[in-house]
Amino acid sequence: MSKSNNMNAAKTYRWIESLLTLCLISLISVFISCEENEAIETINYQEIWESDSLTIDNYIKGNGLDPVFTTASGARYAIQSIGEGDSINYNDLITINYTAYDADGVVFKSTIIPDSSEYYIYPVFNPLTFTYTSSGWTLEYTSLFVTLQGNGLSEAISAALVNIKTGGQVVVLLPSALGFGASSDPSNIISPYSVLRYEISPLYVR
């Protein structure tokens, strides 16, 4: 075989070797990608729901909440105090204060301005005013519901406030599936899959 033929054969061999290497790298990348996707797809949402339910049960017991009511979607709420102000009726225009926490008591939003000596990183909103309805549809586009999943919070508010007066307080407990799910809150303060707690107090009705 001539020297020229030998050189051509060597070049062909190197080209085939490079092609096989690229194919092998591509196959490995596809395999890793499939493994990662499989890991994502095997998240057990039933286990997360059960774990969230246990967290909520422990909070209820630890804080002596009784009675506790459950909405159609699985949110739970309890009336902490009735209040001594004005009664609340459907179709009233009402204003409420609220503070939202995760299961560890970390505040991630509120309408109550902290003391000047208190350090905080969460956003503070104005008290929320809305028309109170039995379905809760008027709450869907307010700051209280930004990026929440499901209707658990609006169901609880709709069912609870008609049973208290201004100055009273309701606590609402949401499993993560009805909160932010696999995401954090809009301010990235709390962890994904967090159980949420909302303390809600009507200020006045008009």
N, C-alpha and C. Protein backbone atom coordinates (compact mmCIF):
# COMPACT_ATOMS: atom_id res chain seq x y z
N MET A 1 0.86 -1.19 0.00
CA MET A 1 0.00 0.00 0.00
C MET A 1 0.89 1.24 0.00
N SER A 2 0.53 2.25 -0.83
CA SER A 2 1.36 3.45 -0.94
C SER A 2 1.22 4.31 0.30
N LYS A 3 2.20 5.21 0.43
CA LYS A 3 2.18 6.14 1.57
C LYS A 3 0.94 7.01 1.56
N SER A 4 0.49 7.41 0.37
CA SER A 4 -0.71 8.25 0.24
C SER A 4 -1.94 7.50 0.73
N ASN A 5 -2.03 6.22 0.34
CA ASN A 5 -3.18 5.42 0.77
C ASN A 5 -3.18 5.25 2.29
N ASN A 6 -1.99 5.05 2.86
CA ASN A 6 -1.89 4.91 4.32
C ASN A 6 -2.38 6.16 5.03
N MET A 7 -2.03 7.33 4.50
CA MET A 7 -2.44 8.59 5.11
C MET A 7 -3.95 8.77 5.02
N ASN A 8 -4.52 8.41 3.87
CA ASN A 8 -5.96 8.51 3.70
C ASN A 8 -6.70 7.57 4.66
N ALA A 9 -6.16 6.38 4.81
CA ALA A 9 -6.78 5.41 5.72
C ALA A 9 -6.74 5.91 7.16
N ALA A 10 -5.61 6.54 7.52
CA ALA A 10 -5.47 7.07 8.89
C ALA A 10 -6.46 8.19 9.13
N LYS A 11 -6.64 9.07 8.12
CA LYS A 11 -7.60 10.16 8.25
C LYS A 11 -9.02 9.63 8.39
N THR A 12 -9.33 8.60 7.57
CA THR A 12 -10.67 8.00 7.65
C THR A 12 -10.91 7.38 9.02
N TYR A 13 -9.89 6.71 9.54
CA TYR A 13 -10.00 6.08 10.85
C TYR A 13 -10.26 7.13 11.93
N ARG A 14 -9.48 8.24 11.87
CA ARG A 14 -9.65 9.30 12.88
C ARG A 14 -11.05 9.92 12.77
N TRP A 15 -11.54 10.08 11.54
CA TRP A 15 -12.87 10.65 11.35
C TRP A 15 -13.94 9.74 11.94
N ILE A 16 -13.80 8.43 11.67
CA ILE A 16 -14.76 7.46 12.23
C ILE A 16 -14.68 7.45 13.75
N GLU A 17 -13.47 7.52 14.29
CA GLU A 17 -13.27 7.52 15.74
C GLU A 17 -13.94 8.75 16.38
N SER A 18 -13.78 9.91 15.73
CA SER A 18 -14.40 11.14 16.24
C SER A 18 -15.91 11.05 16.20
N LEU A 19 -16.43 10.49 15.10
CA LEU A 19 -17.87 10.35 14.96
C LEU A 19 -18.44 9.42 16.03
N LEU A 20 -17.75 8.31 16.28
CA LEU A 20 -18.20 7.37 17.32
C LEU A 20 -18.16 8.02 18.70
N THR A 21 -17.13 8.84 18.95
CA THR A 21 -17.02 9.54 20.24
C THR A 21 -18.18 10.50 20.44
N LEU A 22 -18.51 11.25 19.37
CA LEU A 22 -19.64 12.19 19.44
C LEU A 22 -20.95 11.45 19.69
N CYS A 23 -21.12 10.32 19.02
CA CYS A 23 -22.34 9.52 19.21
C CYS A 23 -22.44 9.03 20.65
N LEU A 24 -21.30 8.59 21.19
CA LEU A 24 -21.29 8.08 22.57
C LEU A 24 -21.63 9.19 23.55
N ILE A 25 -21.07 10.39 23.33
CA ILE A 25 -21.36 11.53 24.21
C ILE A 25 -22.84 11.89 24.14
N SER A 26 -23.40 11.86 22.92
CA SER A 26 -24.82 12.18 22.74
C SER A 26 -25.71 11.18 23.47
N LEU A 27 -25.35 9.88 23.38
CA LEU A 27 -26.13 8.85 24.06
C LEU A 27 -26.08 9.01 25.57
N ILE A 28 -24.89 9.35 26.07
CA ILE A 28 -24.74 9.55 27.52
C ILE A 28 -25.58 10.75 27.97
N SER A 29 -25.58 11.83 27.17
CA SER A 29 -26.37 13.02 27.52
C SER A 29 -27.85 12.71 27.54
N VAL A 30 -28.32 11.96 26.55
CA VAL A 30 -29.73 11.56 26.50
C VAL A 30 -30.09 10.72 27.71
N PHE A 31 -29.21 9.79 28.07
CA PHE A 31 -29.45 8.92 29.22
C PHE A 31 -29.57 9.72 30.51
N ILE A 32 -28.63 10.67 30.70
CA ILE A 32 -28.66 11.50 31.91
C ILE A 32 -29.93 12.33 31.95
N SER A 33 -30.31 12.90 30.79
CA SER A 33 -31.52 13.71 30.72
C SER A 33 -32.75 12.89 31.08
N CYS A 34 -32.81 11.65 30.58
CA CYS A 34 -33.94 10.76 30.88
C CYS A 34 -33.99 10.43 32.37
N GLU A 35 -32.80 10.23 32.96
CA GLU A 35 -32.75 9.94 34.39
C GLU A 35 -33.27 11.11 35.21
N GLU A 36 -32.88 12.35 34.80
CA GLU A 36 -33.34 13.54 35.53
C GLU A 36 -34.84 13.71 35.38
N ASN A 37 -35.35 13.50 34.17
CA ASN A 37 -36.79 13.62 33.95
C ASN A 37 -37.56 12.59 34.74
N GLU A 38 -37.01 11.38 34.82
CA GLU A 38 -37.67 10.32 35.58
C GLU A 38 -37.72 10.69 37.05
N ALA A 39 -36.62 11.30 37.54
CA ALA A 39 -36.59 11.71 38.95
C ALA A 39 -37.65 12.77 39.23
N ILE A 40 -37.82 13.71 38.27
CA ILE A 40 -38.84 14.74 38.43
C ILE A 40 -40.23 14.12 38.40
N GLU A 41 -40.45 13.19 37.49
CA GLU A 41 -41.77 12.61 37.32
C GLU A 41 -42.17 11.68 38.47
N THR A 42 -41.20 11.22 39.25
CA THR A 42 -41.53 10.29 40.31
C THR A 42 -41.78 10.98 41.66
N ILE A 43 -41.94 12.31 41.66
CA ILE A 43 -42.34 13.01 42.88
C ILE A 43 -43.70 12.47 43.31
N ASN A 44 -43.80 12.05 44.56
CA ASN A 44 -45.02 11.44 45.06
C ASN A 44 -45.87 12.52 45.71
N TYR A 45 -46.83 13.03 44.95
CA TYR A 45 -47.67 14.13 45.45
C TYR A 45 -48.60 13.66 46.56
N GLN A 46 -48.95 12.39 46.55
CA GLN A 46 -49.78 11.86 47.63
C GLN A 46 -49.02 11.91 48.95
N GLU A 47 -47.75 11.55 48.90
CA GLU A 47 -46.93 11.62 50.12
C GLU A 47 -46.79 13.06 50.61
N ILE A 48 -46.62 14.00 49.68
CA ILE A 48 -46.52 15.40 50.06
C ILE A 48 -47.81 15.87 50.71
N TRP A 49 -48.96 15.47 50.13
CA TRP A 49 -50.26 15.85 50.70
C TRP A 49 -50.40 15.28 52.11
N GLU A 50 -50.02 14.03 52.29
CA GLU A 50 -50.13 13.40 53.60
C GLU A 50 -49.20 14.05 54.62
N SER A 51 -47.98 14.41 54.18
CA SER A 51 -47.05 15.09 55.06
C SER A 51 -47.58 16.47 55.45
N ASP A 52 -48.15 17.18 54.47
CA ASP A 52 -48.74 18.49 54.75
C ASP A 52 -49.90 18.36 55.74
N SER A 53 -50.72 17.32 55.55
CA SER A 53 -51.86 17.11 56.45
C SER A 53 -51.40 16.86 57.88
N LEU A 54 -50.31 16.13 58.02
CA LEU A 54 -49.75 15.87 59.36
C LEU A 54 -49.24 17.17 59.98
N THR A 55 -48.57 17.99 59.18
CA THR A 55 -48.09 19.29 59.66
C THR A 55 -49.25 20.15 60.14
N ILE A 56 -50.34 20.15 59.36
CA ILE A 56 -51.52 20.94 59.73
C ILE A 56 -52.17 20.37 60.99
N ASP A 57 -52.27 19.04 61.07
CA ASP A 57 -52.82 18.40 62.28
C ASP A 57 -52.03 18.81 63.52
N ASN A 58 -50.71 18.80 63.41
CA ASN A 58 -49.87 19.13 64.55
C ASN A 58 -50.05 20.59 64.96
N TYR A 59 -50.22 21.47 63.98
CA TYR A 59 -50.44 22.88 64.31
C TYR A 59 -51.78 23.05 65.01
N ILE A 60 -52.79 22.36 64.52
CA ILE A 60 -54.13 22.46 65.13
C ILE A 60 -54.10 21.99 66.58
N LYS A 61 -53.46 20.85 66.80
CA LYS A 61 -53.38 20.31 68.16
C LYS A 61 -52.52 21.19 69.06
N GLY A 62 -51.40 21.64 68.53
CA GLY A 62 -50.48 22.45 69.32
C GLY A 62 -51.04 23.80 69.71
N ASN A 63 -52.02 24.28 68.95
CA ASN A 63 -52.59 25.60 69.23
C ASN A 63 -54.04 25.53 69.71
N GLY A 64 -54.51 24.31 69.97
CA GLY A 64 -55.84 24.13 70.55
C GLY A 64 -56.97 24.68 69.70
N LEU A 65 -56.86 24.56 68.38
CA LEU A 65 -57.91 25.07 67.50
C LEU A 65 -59.08 24.08 67.48
N ASP A 66 -60.25 24.57 67.83
CA ASP A 66 -61.43 23.70 67.86
C ASP A 66 -62.69 24.57 67.93
N PRO A 67 -63.66 24.36 67.02
CA PRO A 67 -63.64 23.35 65.96
C PRO A 67 -62.85 23.83 64.74
N VAL A 68 -62.47 22.88 63.91
CA VAL A 68 -61.77 23.16 62.66
C VAL A 68 -62.64 22.65 61.51
N PHE A 69 -62.78 23.47 60.48
CA PHE A 69 -63.61 23.12 59.33
C PHE A 69 -62.74 22.90 58.10
N THR A 70 -63.20 22.04 57.21
CA THR A 70 -62.46 21.72 55.98
C THR A 70 -63.29 22.10 54.77
N THR A 71 -62.69 22.82 53.83
CA THR A 71 -63.41 23.23 52.61
C THR A 71 -63.40 22.08 51.59
N ALA A 72 -64.11 22.28 50.50
CA ALA A 72 -64.22 21.24 49.47
C ALA A 72 -62.86 20.88 48.88
N SER A 73 -61.95 21.84 48.78
CA SER A 73 -60.65 21.56 48.17
C SER A 73 -59.61 21.03 49.15
N GLY A 74 -59.92 21.10 50.46
CA GLY A 74 -59.00 20.57 51.44
C GLY A 74 -58.33 21.60 52.33
N ALA A 75 -58.66 22.87 52.18
CA ALA A 75 -58.16 23.90 53.10
C ALA A 75 -58.88 23.73 54.45
N ARG A 76 -58.19 24.10 55.52
CA ARG A 76 -58.81 24.03 56.84
C ARG A 76 -58.77 25.40 57.51
N TYR A 77 -59.81 25.69 58.27
CA TYR A 77 -59.86 26.98 58.94
C TYR A 77 -60.54 26.85 60.29
N ALA A 78 -60.21 27.80 61.16
CA ALA A 78 -60.81 27.85 62.49
C ALA A 78 -61.02 29.30 62.88
N ILE A 79 -62.08 29.54 63.60
CA ILE A 79 -62.36 30.89 64.11
C ILE A 79 -61.65 31.04 65.45
N GLN A 80 -60.67 31.92 65.52
CA GLN A 80 -59.91 32.13 66.74
C GLN A 80 -60.61 33.07 67.71
N SER A 81 -61.32 34.06 67.15
CA SER A 81 -62.13 34.95 67.98
C SER A 81 -63.28 35.50 67.15
N ILE A 82 -64.43 35.66 67.78
CA ILE A 82 -65.64 36.13 67.08
C ILE A 82 -65.56 37.62 66.79
N GLY A 83 -65.02 38.39 67.72
CA GLY A 83 -65.00 39.84 67.58
C GLY A 83 -66.23 40.47 68.20
N GLU A 84 -66.16 41.77 68.45
CA GLU A 84 -67.26 42.47 69.11
C GLU A 84 -67.76 43.65 68.29
N GLY A 85 -67.39 43.72 67.03
CA GLY A 85 -67.79 44.84 66.18
C GLY A 85 -69.03 44.55 65.38
N ASP A 86 -69.01 45.01 64.14
CA ASP A 86 -70.16 44.86 63.25
C ASP A 86 -70.24 43.46 62.67
N SER A 87 -71.48 42.99 62.50
CA SER A 87 -71.69 41.70 61.83
C SER A 87 -71.32 41.83 60.36
N ILE A 88 -70.98 40.70 59.74
CA ILE A 88 -70.58 40.67 58.33
C ILE A 88 -71.59 39.84 57.55
N ASN A 89 -72.04 40.39 56.45
CA ASN A 89 -73.02 39.70 55.61
C ASN A 89 -72.51 39.66 54.17
N TYR A 90 -73.00 38.68 53.43
CA TYR A 90 -72.64 38.61 52.02
C TYR A 90 -73.08 39.88 51.29
N ASN A 91 -72.26 40.29 50.35
CA ASN A 91 -72.42 41.50 49.54
C ASN A 91 -72.01 42.78 50.28
N ASP A 92 -71.52 42.65 51.53
CA ASP A 92 -70.93 43.80 52.20
C ASP A 92 -69.59 44.14 51.56
N LEU A 93 -69.23 45.41 51.60
CA LEU A 93 -67.88 45.82 51.21
C LEU A 93 -67.06 45.80 52.50
N ILE A 94 -66.08 44.91 52.58
CA ILE A 94 -65.34 44.77 53.82
C ILE A 94 -63.84 45.00 53.60
N THR A 95 -63.18 45.39 54.67
CA THR A 95 -61.73 45.59 54.65
C THR A 95 -61.10 44.68 55.70
N ILE A 96 -60.05 43.97 55.31
CA ILE A 96 -59.42 43.02 56.23
C ILE A 96 -57.92 43.27 56.34
N ASN A 97 -57.38 42.91 57.48
CA ASN A 97 -55.94 42.74 57.65
C ASN A 97 -55.61 41.27 57.54
N TYR A 98 -54.41 40.97 57.06
CA TYR A 98 -53.98 39.57 57.04
C TYR A 98 -52.47 39.50 57.18
N THR A 99 -52.01 38.38 57.71
CA THR A 99 -50.58 38.06 57.72
C THR A 99 -50.44 36.61 57.28
N ALA A 100 -49.49 36.35 56.39
CA ALA A 100 -49.29 35.01 55.82
C ALA A 100 -47.95 34.46 56.27
N TYR A 101 -47.96 33.19 56.72
CA TYR A 101 -46.77 32.52 57.25
C TYR A 101 -46.58 31.17 56.55
N ASP A 102 -45.36 30.63 56.64
CA ASP A 102 -45.17 29.23 56.30
C ASP A 102 -45.30 28.40 57.58
N ALA A 103 -45.06 27.10 57.48
CA ALA A 103 -45.27 26.21 58.63
C ALA A 103 -44.30 26.49 59.77
N ASP A 104 -43.16 27.13 59.47
CA ASP A 104 -42.18 27.45 60.50
C ASP A 104 -42.41 28.82 61.13
N GLY A 105 -43.49 29.48 60.72
CA GLY A 105 -43.79 30.79 61.27
C GLY A 105 -43.09 31.94 60.59
N VAL A 106 -42.50 31.69 59.41
CA VAL A 106 -41.83 32.75 58.65
C VAL A 106 -42.89 33.55 57.89
N VAL A 107 -42.93 34.86 58.13
CA VAL A 107 -43.89 35.72 57.44
C VAL A 107 -43.40 36.00 56.02
N PHE A 108 -44.31 35.88 55.03
CA PHE A 108 -43.90 36.22 53.67
C PHE A 108 -44.74 37.32 53.05
N LYS A 109 -45.80 37.76 53.73
CA LYS A 109 -46.54 38.95 53.31
C LYS A 109 -47.51 39.34 54.42
N SER A 110 -47.87 40.63 54.47
CA SER A 110 -48.76 41.09 55.53
C SER A 110 -49.33 42.45 55.16
N THR A 111 -50.41 42.81 55.85
CA THR A 111 -50.94 44.18 55.75
C THR A 111 -50.67 44.95 57.03
N ILE A 112 -49.96 44.35 57.96
CA ILE A 112 -49.69 44.98 59.25
C ILE A 112 -48.23 45.45 59.28
N ILE A 113 -48.03 46.73 59.50
CA ILE A 113 -46.67 47.28 59.53
C ILE A 113 -45.99 46.87 60.83
N PRO A 114 -44.83 46.24 60.75
CA PRO A 114 -44.13 45.82 61.97
C PRO A 114 -43.66 47.01 62.81
N ASP A 115 -43.31 46.74 64.07
CA ASP A 115 -42.72 47.76 64.91
C ASP A 115 -41.42 48.26 64.28
N SER A 116 -41.10 49.50 64.57
CA SER A 116 -39.90 50.10 63.97
C SER A 116 -38.62 49.37 64.36
N SER A 117 -38.66 48.67 65.48
CA SER A 117 -37.47 47.95 65.95
C SER A 117 -37.35 46.55 65.34
N GLU A 118 -38.37 46.14 64.60
CA GLU A 118 -38.38 44.78 64.06
C GLU A 118 -37.79 44.75 62.66
N TYR A 119 -36.87 43.82 62.44
CA TYR A 119 -36.29 43.64 61.11
C TYR A 119 -37.20 42.71 60.29
N TYR A 120 -37.50 43.10 59.07
CA TYR A 120 -38.34 42.24 58.24
C TYR A 120 -37.96 42.42 56.77
N ILE A 121 -38.23 41.37 55.97
CA ILE A 121 -37.91 41.42 54.55
C ILE A 121 -39.15 41.20 53.68
N TYR A 122 -40.28 40.92 54.31
CA TYR A 122 -41.47 40.60 53.54
C TYR A 122 -42.20 41.88 53.09
N PRO A 123 -42.98 41.81 52.00
CA PRO A 123 -43.73 42.98 51.54
C PRO A 123 -44.92 43.26 52.44
N VAL A 124 -45.19 44.54 52.67
CA VAL A 124 -46.34 44.98 53.46
C VAL A 124 -47.32 45.68 52.51
N PHE A 125 -48.54 45.17 52.45
CA PHE A 125 -49.56 45.72 51.58
C PHE A 125 -50.55 46.56 52.39
N ASN A 126 -51.37 47.33 51.68
CA ASN A 126 -52.46 48.03 52.34
C ASN A 126 -53.53 47.01 52.74
N PRO A 127 -54.32 47.31 53.79
CA PRO A 127 -55.45 46.42 54.10
C PRO A 127 -56.30 46.18 52.85
N LEU A 128 -56.83 44.98 52.75
CA LEU A 128 -57.51 44.54 51.53
C LEU A 128 -59.00 44.82 51.62
N THR A 129 -59.54 45.53 50.63
CA THR A 129 -60.97 45.84 50.56
C THR A 129 -61.59 45.10 49.38
N PHE A 130 -62.71 44.44 49.62
CA PHE A 130 -63.38 43.69 48.55
C PHE A 130 -64.84 43.49 48.91
N THR A 131 -65.64 43.15 47.92
CA THR A 131 -67.03 42.80 48.17
C THR A 131 -67.09 41.34 48.60
N TYR A 132 -67.69 41.10 49.75
CA TYR A 132 -67.71 39.76 50.33
C TYR A 132 -68.83 38.94 49.70
N THR A 133 -68.49 37.82 49.08
CA THR A 133 -69.48 36.97 48.42
C THR A 133 -69.36 35.54 48.93
N SER A 134 -70.40 34.77 48.70
CA SER A 134 -70.40 33.37 49.15
C SER A 134 -69.48 32.49 48.31
N SER A 135 -69.20 32.93 47.08
CA SER A 135 -68.32 32.13 46.20
C SER A 135 -66.87 32.56 46.27
N GLY A 136 -66.63 33.78 46.73
CA GLY A 136 -65.26 34.27 46.83
C GLY A 136 -64.64 34.75 45.54
N TRP A 137 -65.44 34.88 44.48
CA TRP A 137 -64.86 35.23 43.18
C TRP A 137 -64.23 36.63 43.19
N THR A 138 -64.70 37.51 44.05
CA THR A 138 -64.17 38.88 44.07
C THR A 138 -62.75 38.94 44.64
N LEU A 139 -62.30 37.85 45.24
CA LEU A 139 -60.95 37.82 45.83
C LEU A 139 -59.88 37.35 44.84
N GLU A 140 -60.30 36.74 43.75
CA GLU A 140 -59.37 36.02 42.88
C GLU A 140 -58.27 36.89 42.29
N TYR A 141 -58.53 38.18 42.09
CA TYR A 141 -57.55 39.03 41.41
C TYR A 141 -56.91 40.04 42.36
N THR A 142 -57.01 39.79 43.65
CA THR A 142 -56.41 40.68 44.64
C THR A 142 -54.99 40.23 45.00
N SER A 143 -54.27 41.09 45.73
CA SER A 143 -52.90 40.77 46.12
C SER A 143 -52.82 39.56 47.04
N LEU A 144 -53.93 39.23 47.69
CA LEU A 144 -53.94 38.09 48.61
C LEU A 144 -53.76 36.77 47.88
N PHE A 145 -54.14 36.73 46.60
CA PHE A 145 -54.18 35.45 45.89
C PHE A 145 -53.15 35.32 44.78
N VAL A 146 -52.19 36.23 44.73
CA VAL A 146 -51.20 36.18 43.66
C VAL A 146 -50.45 34.85 43.68
N THR A 147 -50.52 34.14 42.57
CA THR A 147 -49.82 32.87 42.28
C THR A 147 -50.27 31.69 43.17
N LEU A 148 -51.31 31.85 43.98
CA LEU A 148 -51.80 30.70 44.74
C LEU A 148 -52.45 29.68 43.81
N GLN A 149 -52.34 28.41 44.17
CA GLN A 149 -52.98 27.36 43.40
C GLN A 149 -54.27 26.94 44.10
N GLY A 150 -55.32 26.71 43.32
CA GLY A 150 -56.57 26.24 43.91
C GLY A 150 -57.36 27.36 44.57
N ASN A 151 -58.53 26.99 45.10
CA ASN A 151 -59.46 27.96 45.68
C ASN A 151 -59.59 27.83 47.19
N GLY A 152 -58.64 27.14 47.81
CA GLY A 152 -58.77 26.85 49.23
C GLY A 152 -58.92 28.09 50.11
N LEU A 153 -58.10 29.11 49.84
CA LEU A 153 -58.14 30.30 50.68
C LEU A 153 -59.45 31.06 50.50
N SER A 154 -59.88 31.24 49.25
CA SER A 154 -61.14 31.96 49.02
C SER A 154 -62.33 31.17 49.58
N GLU A 155 -62.29 29.85 49.49
CA GLU A 155 -63.36 29.03 50.08
C GLU A 155 -63.44 29.25 51.59
N ALA A 156 -62.28 29.25 52.24
CA ALA A 156 -62.25 29.40 53.69
C ALA A 156 -62.74 30.78 54.11
N ILE A 157 -62.27 31.82 53.42
CA ILE A 157 -62.69 33.18 53.74
C ILE A 157 -64.19 33.32 53.54
N SER A 158 -64.68 32.80 52.42
CA SER A 158 -66.11 32.92 52.11
C SER A 158 -66.98 32.23 53.16
N ALA A 159 -66.51 31.09 53.67
CA ALA A 159 -67.29 30.34 54.65
C ALA A 159 -67.16 30.91 56.06
N ALA A 160 -66.01 31.51 56.37
CA ALA A 160 -65.72 31.87 57.77
C ALA A 160 -66.18 33.26 58.18
N LEU A 161 -65.95 34.26 57.35
CA LEU A 161 -66.15 35.63 57.81
C LEU A 161 -67.60 35.96 58.14
N VAL A 162 -68.52 35.26 57.50
CA VAL A 162 -69.94 35.52 57.77
C VAL A 162 -70.31 35.09 59.19
N ASN A 163 -69.44 34.31 59.82
CA ASN A 163 -69.71 33.82 61.18
C ASN A 163 -69.00 34.63 62.26
N ILE A 164 -68.30 35.69 61.89
CA ILE A 164 -67.63 36.51 62.89
C ILE A 164 -68.00 37.97 62.67
N LYS A 165 -67.42 38.85 63.52
CA LYS A 165 -67.65 40.28 63.43
C LYS A 165 -66.31 40.99 63.24
N THR A 166 -66.38 42.28 62.96
CA THR A 166 -65.13 43.03 62.85
C THR A 166 -64.39 42.96 64.18
N GLY A 167 -63.08 42.84 64.08
CA GLY A 167 -62.27 42.66 65.27
C GLY A 167 -61.98 41.20 65.59
N GLY A 168 -62.71 40.28 64.94
CA GLY A 168 -62.47 38.85 65.13
C GLY A 168 -61.30 38.39 64.30
N GLN A 169 -61.01 37.10 64.39
CA GLN A 169 -59.88 36.56 63.61
C GLN A 169 -60.12 35.12 63.21
N VAL A 170 -59.71 34.82 61.98
CA VAL A 170 -59.81 33.47 61.42
C VAL A 170 -58.41 33.03 61.01
N VAL A 171 -58.07 31.77 61.26
CA VAL A 171 -56.82 31.22 60.76
C VAL A 171 -57.14 30.19 59.69
N VAL A 172 -56.45 30.28 58.56
CA VAL A 172 -56.65 29.37 57.43
C VAL A 172 -55.35 28.62 57.19
N LEU A 173 -55.43 27.31 57.05
CA LEU A 173 -54.26 26.45 56.84
C LEU A 173 -54.37 25.77 55.48
N LEU A 174 -53.34 25.97 54.65
CA LEU A 174 -53.36 25.44 53.29
C LEU A 174 -52.24 24.43 53.08
N PRO A 175 -52.55 23.22 52.61
CA PRO A 175 -51.48 22.32 52.16
C PRO A 175 -50.78 22.95 50.96
N SER A 176 -49.55 22.52 50.71
CA SER A 176 -48.76 23.17 49.65
C SER A 176 -49.42 23.11 48.29
N ALA A 177 -50.21 22.07 48.04
CA ALA A 177 -50.89 21.94 46.74
C ALA A 177 -51.89 23.07 46.52
N LEU A 178 -52.36 23.70 47.60
CA LEU A 178 -53.29 24.83 47.49
C LEU A 178 -52.57 26.15 47.71
N GLY A 179 -51.26 26.06 47.98
CA GLY A 179 -50.46 27.26 48.17
C GLY A 179 -49.66 27.57 46.93
N PHE A 180 -48.32 27.45 47.04
CA PHE A 180 -47.45 27.75 45.90
C PHE A 180 -46.89 26.49 45.25
N GLY A 181 -47.29 25.31 45.76
CA GLY A 181 -46.83 24.07 45.15
C GLY A 181 -45.31 23.95 45.15
N ALA A 182 -44.76 23.64 43.99
CA ALA A 182 -43.31 23.44 43.86
C ALA A 182 -42.54 24.75 43.78
N SER A 183 -43.24 25.88 43.86
CA SER A 183 -42.59 27.19 43.77
C SER A 183 -42.51 27.85 45.14
N SER A 184 -41.71 28.91 45.21
CA SER A 184 -41.69 29.75 46.40
C SER A 184 -42.78 30.82 46.25
N ASP A 185 -42.92 31.67 47.26
CA ASP A 185 -43.82 32.81 47.15
C ASP A 185 -43.23 33.82 46.18
N PRO A 186 -44.00 34.83 45.73
CA PRO A 186 -43.47 35.78 44.75
C PRO A 186 -42.22 36.53 45.21
N SER A 187 -42.02 36.66 46.53
CA SER A 187 -40.82 37.34 47.03
C SER A 187 -39.67 36.39 47.33
N ASN A 188 -39.87 35.09 47.06
CA ASN A 188 -38.84 34.06 47.29
C ASN A 188 -38.34 34.04 48.74
N ILE A 189 -39.28 34.11 49.66
CA ILE A 189 -38.93 34.09 51.08
C ILE A 189 -39.03 32.68 51.65
N ILE A 190 -40.05 31.93 51.26
CA ILE A 190 -40.27 30.61 51.83
C ILE A 190 -39.88 29.51 50.85
N SER A 191 -39.83 28.28 51.33
CA SER A 191 -39.40 27.15 50.53
C SER A 191 -40.55 26.59 49.68
N PRO A 192 -40.21 25.92 48.56
CA PRO A 192 -41.24 25.20 47.82
C PRO A 192 -41.90 24.14 48.69
N TYR A 193 -43.08 23.74 48.32
CA TYR A 193 -43.88 22.74 49.04
C TYR A 193 -44.09 23.13 50.50
N SER A 194 -44.36 24.42 50.74
CA SER A 194 -44.59 24.89 52.11
C SER A 194 -46.08 24.87 52.44
N VAL A 195 -46.40 24.39 53.64
CA VAL A 195 -47.74 24.58 54.19
C VAL A 195 -47.87 26.06 54.55
N LEU A 196 -49.03 26.66 54.26
CA LEU A 196 -49.23 28.08 54.50
C LEU A 196 -50.28 28.32 55.59
N ARG A 197 -50.07 29.39 56.34
CA ARG A 197 -51.04 29.80 57.36
C ARG A 197 -51.38 31.27 57.16
N TYR A 198 -52.67 31.57 57.10
CA TYR A 198 -53.13 32.94 56.97
C TYR A 198 -53.96 33.30 58.20
N GLU A 199 -53.60 34.41 58.83
CA GLU A 199 -54.40 34.95 59.92
C GLU A 199 -55.12 36.18 59.40
N ILE A 200 -56.44 36.16 59.44
CA ILE A 200 -57.27 37.15 58.77
C ILE A 200 -58.20 37.80 59.79
N SER A 201 -58.23 39.13 59.78
CA SER A 201 -59.07 39.86 60.73
C SER A 201 -59.83 40.97 60.01
N PRO A 202 -61.18 40.95 60.02
CA PRO A 202 -61.95 42.03 59.41
C PRO A 202 -61.81 43.33 60.21
N LEU A 203 -61.56 44.43 59.52
CA LEU A 203 -61.41 45.73 60.18
C LEU A 203 -62.73 46.50 60.24
N TYR A 204 -63.40 46.59 59.10
CA TYR A 204 -64.69 47.28 59.09
C TYR A 204 -65.48 46.87 57.84
N VAL A 205 -66.79 47.13 57.91
CA VAL A 205 -67.70 46.83 56.80
C VAL A 205 -68.40 48.13 56.39
N ARG A 206 -68.77 48.16 55.12
CA ARG A 206 -69.50 49.34 54.61
C ARG A 206 -70.65 48.89 53.73
